[in-house]
Amino acid sequence: MKHKGLLIAAILFFSIHPFANLKSEDKSQDSFIIWSHSDIQPKENSHLTNFPLAVDDIAANFDYIDIAITAGDIVEKKNSADLYKSYLETRKKIKTGGWFEIAGNHESKDIETYKKIINPHLHYSVKAGNILLLFMSNSEKGQQTVIPDKIFEWWENKVISNQDKIIITVTHASLNNSGLLQSKMGLKRQFIKDSKRFEEVLKKYKVDLWISGHSHFPGYLPYTDYKNETLGGTVFIDNGAIRKDFMAGIESRLLYFQPGTDSLIIKHRDHADGKFSDSHEKKYILSKAFHYSKGDKIIIDEKAD
């Protein structure tokens, strides 16, 4: 397949850097930490596979995660009610201020089961200090993420009316012109259908971060996070996958916000090794300083459907 051929070529071209040990500052409670991951999807419905290992790694090395995000594809197959319940039980090991999910293309195969067990709301917003997170699930069956016009309009109105905040959008797939690796490779099924609607808004209004999954690309490849100046300077972040795939680890991203500053640090973590890849750590400057106190509540701002 073209996809696999390009992936192997990229792997051969870009060297894999050694992982560094966990640093003491990674346990610092001065940072506001978002653990962002996706694509758990065990190949069989009998049990979770790599997700428990990732949870054990985070639980052992972090006293507290401020926000945990699962950006779609918890499961792979239909009839996954028991797997959803196991997922919810497994995640209890982590102390967090809030855990938020969206449905990916695999959840959309049986969306009613997802809504019944995981989250009845397919789009909603969450506030943490002056951060506003906008979550949008896959709304139709199929590989490509479909976001209906009414949900796009909800997102657009949220973006326009909250320009005083640090806005983070979470979807399963990314935008057509995100600049992430799948965008550069032209992999249509990796994009949100009718991405241009969103891209035109980004050119006019600030969205600091856009988090997505779906690609399963390992973090040692290029363009797994990318600041896109043509789309308003939005930083696009590809989570990689919790599921261990061909030539890829059990991966996720940790986002470090420093209260009182406009600094964001993105770290890549391999949970099988229990280590960060320092060579892929990135620092970005946000549109404004982050304001949050540890006593502040993380709240669901709007349950939209």
Protein backbone atom coordinates (compact mmCIF):
# COMPACT_ATOMS: atom_id res chain seq x y z
CA MET A 1 0.00 0.00 0.00
CA LYS A 2 1.15 3.56 -0.72
CA HIS A 3 0.56 4.50 2.92
CA LYS A 4 2.86 1.79 4.29
CA GLY A 5 5.49 2.36 1.62
CA LEU A 6 5.78 6.04 2.44
CA LEU A 7 5.82 5.27 6.15
CA ILE A 8 8.69 2.80 5.78
CA ALA A 9 10.61 5.28 3.60
CA ALA A 10 10.18 7.99 6.21
CA ILE A 11 11.37 5.63 8.94
CA LEU A 12 14.51 4.81 7.00
CA PHE A 13 15.21 8.48 6.32
CA PHE A 14 14.65 9.82 9.81
CA SER A 15 16.79 8.36 12.58
CA ILE A 16 15.19 7.06 15.77
CA HIS A 17 16.60 8.95 18.72
CA PRO A 18 17.27 7.21 22.04
CA PHE A 19 14.81 7.78 24.84
CA ALA A 20 15.90 9.70 27.93
CA ASN A 21 14.92 8.84 31.49
CA LEU A 22 12.02 10.54 33.20
CA LYS A 23 13.18 13.82 34.71
CA SER A 24 12.27 14.90 38.22
CA GLU A 25 10.63 18.10 36.93
CA ASP A 26 8.06 15.99 35.06
CA LYS A 27 6.43 15.30 38.41
CA SER A 28 6.29 19.00 39.23
CA GLN A 29 2.93 20.26 40.39
CA ASP A 30 3.76 23.74 39.09
CA SER A 31 2.69 22.70 35.59
CA PHE A 32 -0.84 22.15 34.35
CA ILE A 33 -0.61 18.83 32.51
CA ILE A 34 -2.89 17.48 29.81
CA TRP A 35 -2.38 13.82 28.91
CA SER A 36 -3.57 13.44 25.32
CA HIS A 37 -3.91 10.06 23.66
CA SER A 38 -6.10 8.11 21.25
CA ASP A 39 -6.47 4.95 19.17
CA ILE A 40 -6.53 2.34 21.94
CA GLN A 41 -8.61 -0.03 19.76
CA PRO A 42 -7.51 -3.57 20.69
CA LYS A 43 -7.89 -5.91 17.74
CA GLU A 44 -10.07 -8.29 19.74
CA ASN A 45 -13.01 -7.49 22.02
CA SER A 46 -11.90 -9.99 24.65
CA HIS A 47 -9.71 -7.55 26.60
CA LEU A 48 -7.76 -4.31 26.55
CA THR A 49 -4.15 -4.81 25.51
CA ASN A 50 -1.77 -1.84 25.56
CA PHE A 51 -3.97 0.71 27.33
CA PRO A 52 -3.49 -0.80 30.84
CA LEU A 53 0.28 -0.59 30.40
CA ALA A 54 0.00 3.10 29.46
CA VAL A 55 -2.27 3.81 32.44
CA ASP A 56 0.10 2.01 34.82
CA ASP A 57 3.01 4.07 33.48
CA ILE A 58 1.20 7.38 33.98
CA ALA A 59 -0.13 6.37 37.41
CA ALA A 60 3.36 5.36 38.57
CA ASN A 61 5.09 8.54 37.39
CA PHE A 62 2.54 11.29 37.88
CA ASP A 63 0.83 12.11 41.15
CA TYR A 64 -1.85 14.02 39.28
CA ILE A 65 -2.92 14.70 35.68
CA ASP A 66 -5.02 17.84 35.36
CA ILE A 67 -6.88 16.71 32.24
CA ALA A 68 -6.87 13.40 30.35
CA ILE A 69 -8.13 13.29 26.77
CA THR A 70 -9.02 10.20 24.74
CA ALA A 71 -9.41 11.52 21.19
CA GLY A 72 -11.36 8.62 19.69
CA ASP A 73 -11.10 4.95 18.80
CA ILE A 74 -11.31 3.36 22.23
CA VAL A 75 -12.54 0.20 20.50
CA GLU A 76 -12.16 -1.33 17.04
CA LYS A 77 -15.19 -3.59 16.60
CA LYS A 78 -18.90 -3.58 17.25
CA ASN A 79 -20.42 -5.24 20.33
CA SER A 80 -17.84 -3.53 22.52
CA ALA A 81 -19.91 -2.83 25.65
CA ASP A 82 -17.65 -4.95 27.89
CA LEU A 83 -14.54 -3.31 26.45
CA TYR A 84 -15.92 0.17 27.21
CA LYS A 85 -16.60 -0.90 30.79
CA SER A 86 -13.08 -2.28 31.11
CA TYR A 87 -11.70 1.00 29.76
CA LEU A 88 -13.61 2.99 32.38
CA GLU A 89 -12.42 0.68 35.16
CA THR A 90 -8.78 0.80 34.01
CA ARG A 91 -8.60 4.58 33.87
CA LYS A 92 -9.61 4.85 37.55
CA LYS A 93 -5.95 4.27 38.48
CA ILE A 94 -5.06 7.80 37.40
CA LYS A 95 -5.82 10.79 39.60
CA THR A 96 -7.12 13.51 37.31
CA GLY A 97 -9.21 16.66 37.39
CA GLY A 98 -11.27 15.41 34.45
CA TRP A 99 -11.28 12.75 31.75
CA PHE A 100 -12.87 13.64 28.42
CA GLU A 101 -13.54 11.50 25.34
CA ILE A 102 -14.79 11.82 21.80
CA ALA A 103 -16.02 9.11 19.45
CA GLY A 104 -13.74 8.13 16.56
CA ASN A 105 -14.56 6.31 13.35
CA HIS A 106 -14.66 2.94 15.16
CA GLU A 107 -17.09 4.17 17.83
CA SER A 108 -19.29 5.51 15.05
CA LYS A 109 -20.01 1.93 13.93
CA ASP A 110 -22.16 1.56 17.07
CA ILE A 111 -22.57 5.08 18.35
CA GLU A 112 -25.50 4.31 20.63
CA THR A 113 -23.39 1.94 22.76
CA TYR A 114 -20.67 4.60 23.01
CA LYS A 115 -23.23 7.24 24.04
CA LYS A 116 -24.82 4.94 26.60
CA ILE A 117 -21.60 3.88 28.36
CA ILE A 118 -18.99 6.57 27.66
CA ASN A 119 -20.56 9.93 26.86
CA PRO A 120 -24.04 10.86 25.60
CA HIS A 121 -22.70 14.14 24.18
CA LEU A 122 -20.97 14.03 20.80
CA HIS A 123 -19.84 17.64 21.05
CA TYR A 124 -19.26 19.73 24.13
CA SER A 125 -16.90 22.26 25.67
CA VAL A 126 -14.78 22.27 28.82
CA LYS A 127 -13.16 25.15 30.74
CA ALA A 128 -9.98 25.07 32.81
CA GLY A 129 -8.84 28.53 33.86
CA ASN A 130 -8.66 30.50 30.61
CA ILE A 131 -8.36 27.36 28.50
CA LEU A 132 -11.45 26.39 26.48
CA LEU A 133 -11.50 22.89 25.00
CA LEU A 134 -13.93 22.16 22.15
CA PHE A 135 -14.66 18.46 21.59
CA MET A 136 -16.27 17.11 18.41
CA SER A 137 -16.90 13.41 17.75
CA ASN A 138 -17.32 11.51 14.51
CA SER A 139 -21.00 11.75 13.68
CA GLU A 140 -21.32 9.24 10.84
CA LYS A 141 -20.01 5.78 10.00
CA GLY A 142 -16.94 5.55 7.82
CA GLN A 143 -13.19 6.08 7.88
CA GLN A 144 -13.37 9.82 7.30
CA THR A 145 -14.39 12.08 10.18
CA VAL A 146 -17.71 13.76 9.41
CA ILE A 147 -18.79 16.83 11.38
CA PRO A 148 -22.28 18.10 10.41
CA ASP A 149 -22.78 21.76 9.60
CA LYS A 150 -24.76 22.42 12.79
CA ILE A 151 -21.82 21.21 14.90
CA PHE A 152 -19.37 23.18 12.77
CA GLU A 153 -21.51 26.28 13.40
CA TRP A 154 -21.47 25.57 17.15
CA TRP A 155 -17.65 25.33 17.01
CA GLU A 156 -17.36 28.48 14.91
CA ASN A 157 -19.53 30.48 17.32
CA LYS A 158 -17.50 29.21 20.28
CA VAL A 159 -14.24 30.23 18.61
CA ILE A 160 -15.46 33.70 17.64
CA SER A 161 -16.96 34.48 21.05
CA ASN A 162 -14.00 33.22 23.11
CA GLN A 163 -11.02 34.97 21.57
CA ASP A 164 -9.95 36.02 25.06
CA LYS A 165 -9.17 32.36 25.86
CA ILE A 166 -6.61 29.73 24.87
CA ILE A 167 -8.75 27.58 22.56
CA ILE A 168 -8.00 23.88 22.02
CA THR A 169 -9.99 21.85 19.49
CA VAL A 170 -10.14 18.05 19.78
CA THR A 171 -11.25 15.85 16.87
CA HIS A 172 -10.38 12.32 15.83
CA ALA A 173 -9.02 13.21 12.38
CA SER A 174 -7.10 16.33 11.44
CA LEU A 175 -7.70 19.01 8.81
CA ASN A 176 -6.85 18.58 5.16
CA ASN A 177 -4.21 21.33 5.25
CA SER A 178 -3.04 20.90 8.85
CA GLY A 179 0.58 20.40 7.82
CA LEU A 180 0.81 17.17 9.80
CA LEU A 181 2.45 14.20 8.08
CA GLN A 182 -0.84 12.73 6.86
CA SER A 183 -1.66 16.10 5.32
CA LYS A 184 1.64 16.25 3.47
CA MET A 185 1.11 12.67 2.25
CA GLY A 186 -2.40 13.47 0.96
CA LEU A 187 -4.13 10.69 2.91
CA LYS A 188 -7.76 11.71 2.35
CA ARG A 189 -9.28 9.33 4.92
CA GLN A 190 -7.14 10.98 7.60
CA PHE A 191 -8.93 14.33 7.17
CA ILE A 192 -12.17 15.85 8.39
CA LYS A 193 -14.63 15.97 5.51
CA ASP A 194 -15.10 19.53 4.22
CA SER A 195 -12.09 20.72 6.18
CA LYS A 196 -12.10 24.03 4.32
CA ARG A 197 -14.94 25.31 6.56
CA PHE A 198 -12.69 25.04 9.59
CA GLU A 199 -9.60 26.29 7.80
CA GLU A 200 -11.31 29.51 6.74
CA VAL A 201 -12.24 30.23 10.38
CA LEU A 202 -8.66 29.57 11.53
CA LYS A 203 -7.38 32.20 9.09
CA LYS A 204 -9.52 34.85 10.82
CA TYR A 205 -9.79 33.74 14.46
CA LYS A 206 -7.21 32.32 16.85
CA VAL A 207 -7.26 28.65 17.85
CA ASP A 208 -4.03 27.83 19.69
CA LEU A 209 -4.06 24.02 19.47
CA TRP A 210 -5.79 21.31 17.44
CA ILE A 211 -5.42 17.78 18.83
CA SER A 212 -6.20 14.70 16.75
CA GLY A 213 -5.37 11.02 16.37
CA HIS A 214 -6.43 8.47 13.75
CA SER A 215 -3.11 8.28 11.88
CA HIS A 216 -1.24 5.87 14.24
CA PHE A 217 1.99 7.53 13.07
CA PRO A 218 4.86 7.08 15.54
CA GLY A 219 6.32 10.23 17.07
CA TYR A 220 9.79 9.78 15.63
CA LEU A 221 8.43 10.65 12.19
CA PRO A 222 8.42 14.30 11.08
CA TYR A 223 5.42 16.60 11.31
CA THR A 224 3.65 14.89 14.21
CA ASP A 225 3.19 18.37 15.60
CA TYR A 226 3.29 21.47 13.45
CA LYS A 227 2.65 25.19 13.81
CA ASN A 228 0.74 26.21 10.70
CA GLU A 229 1.26 29.90 9.99
CA THR A 230 -1.15 29.87 7.04
CA LEU A 231 -3.95 28.72 9.40
CA GLY A 232 -3.52 31.43 11.99
CA GLY A 233 -0.52 29.88 13.71
CA THR A 234 -2.55 26.95 15.06
CA VAL A 235 -0.35 24.17 16.44
CA PHE A 236 -1.61 20.80 15.19
CA ILE A 237 -0.77 17.79 17.36
CA ASP A 238 -0.99 14.13 16.30
CA ASN A 239 -1.34 11.85 19.33
CA GLY A 240 0.14 8.76 17.72
CA ALA A 241 -1.54 5.62 19.10
CA ILE A 242 -1.76 3.78 22.40
CA ARG A 243 -2.07 0.56 20.38
CA LYS A 244 1.28 -0.92 19.43
CA ASP A 245 1.43 -1.13 15.65
CA PHE A 246 4.05 -1.97 13.05
CA MET A 247 7.31 -0.14 13.90
CA ALA A 248 5.50 2.05 16.44
CA GLY A 249 5.43 2.12 20.21
CA ILE A 250 2.66 2.60 22.78
CA GLU A 251 2.57 6.37 22.52
CA SER A 252 0.86 9.50 23.76
CA ARG A 253 1.54 13.22 24.25
CA LEU A 254 1.80 15.24 27.44
CA LEU A 255 1.18 18.97 27.23
CA TYR A 256 2.73 21.19 29.91
CA PHE A 257 1.21 24.62 30.52
CA GLN A 258 2.95 27.00 32.92
CA PRO A 259 0.51 29.24 34.85
CA GLY A 260 1.34 32.92 34.38
CA THR A 261 3.27 32.31 31.15
CA ASP A 262 2.51 31.80 27.46
CA SER A 263 4.78 28.73 27.29
CA LEU A 264 3.63 25.29 26.14
CA ILE A 265 5.87 22.22 26.10
CA ILE A 266 4.82 19.08 24.20
CA LYS A 267 6.46 15.82 25.27
CA HIS A 268 6.28 12.45 23.50
CA ARG A 269 6.01 9.43 25.79
CA ASP A 270 6.58 5.77 24.99
CA HIS A 271 4.70 3.82 27.67
CA ALA A 272 6.36 0.49 26.91
CA ASP A 273 9.71 2.02 27.86
CA GLY A 274 8.20 4.35 30.46
CA LYS A 275 10.29 7.21 29.06
CA PHE A 276 10.10 10.49 27.20
CA SER A 277 11.85 11.21 23.92
CA ASP A 278 13.77 14.39 24.69
CA SER A 279 14.79 14.73 21.06
CA HIS A 280 11.15 15.26 20.08
CA GLU A 281 10.22 17.69 22.85
CA LYS A 282 8.85 20.94 21.43
CA LYS A 283 8.19 24.35 22.95
CA TYR A 284 5.56 26.67 21.53
CA ILE A 285 4.39 30.15 22.47
CA LEU A 286 0.65 30.49 23.09
CA SER A 287 -1.44 33.49 22.03
CA LYS A 288 -1.74 34.58 25.68
CA ALA A 289 -0.56 33.65 29.15
CA PHE A 290 -2.27 30.72 30.86
CA HIS A 291 -4.13 31.59 34.06
CA TYR A 292 -5.11 28.84 36.47
CA SER A 293 -4.84 28.04 40.17
CA LYS A 294 -4.69 24.49 41.48
CA GLY A 295 -7.87 25.06 43.45
CA ASP A 296 -9.86 26.04 40.36
CA LYS A 297 -12.44 23.59 39.04
CA ILE A 298 -12.35 22.02 35.62
CA ILE A 299 -15.91 22.23 34.39
CA ILE A 300 -17.96 21.07 31.46
CA ASP A 301 -18.85 24.48 30.04
CA GLU A 302 -21.60 23.27 27.76
CA LYS A 303 -23.24 19.92 27.08
CA ALA A 304 -24.24 20.66 23.55
CA ASP A 305 -26.24 17.61 22.50
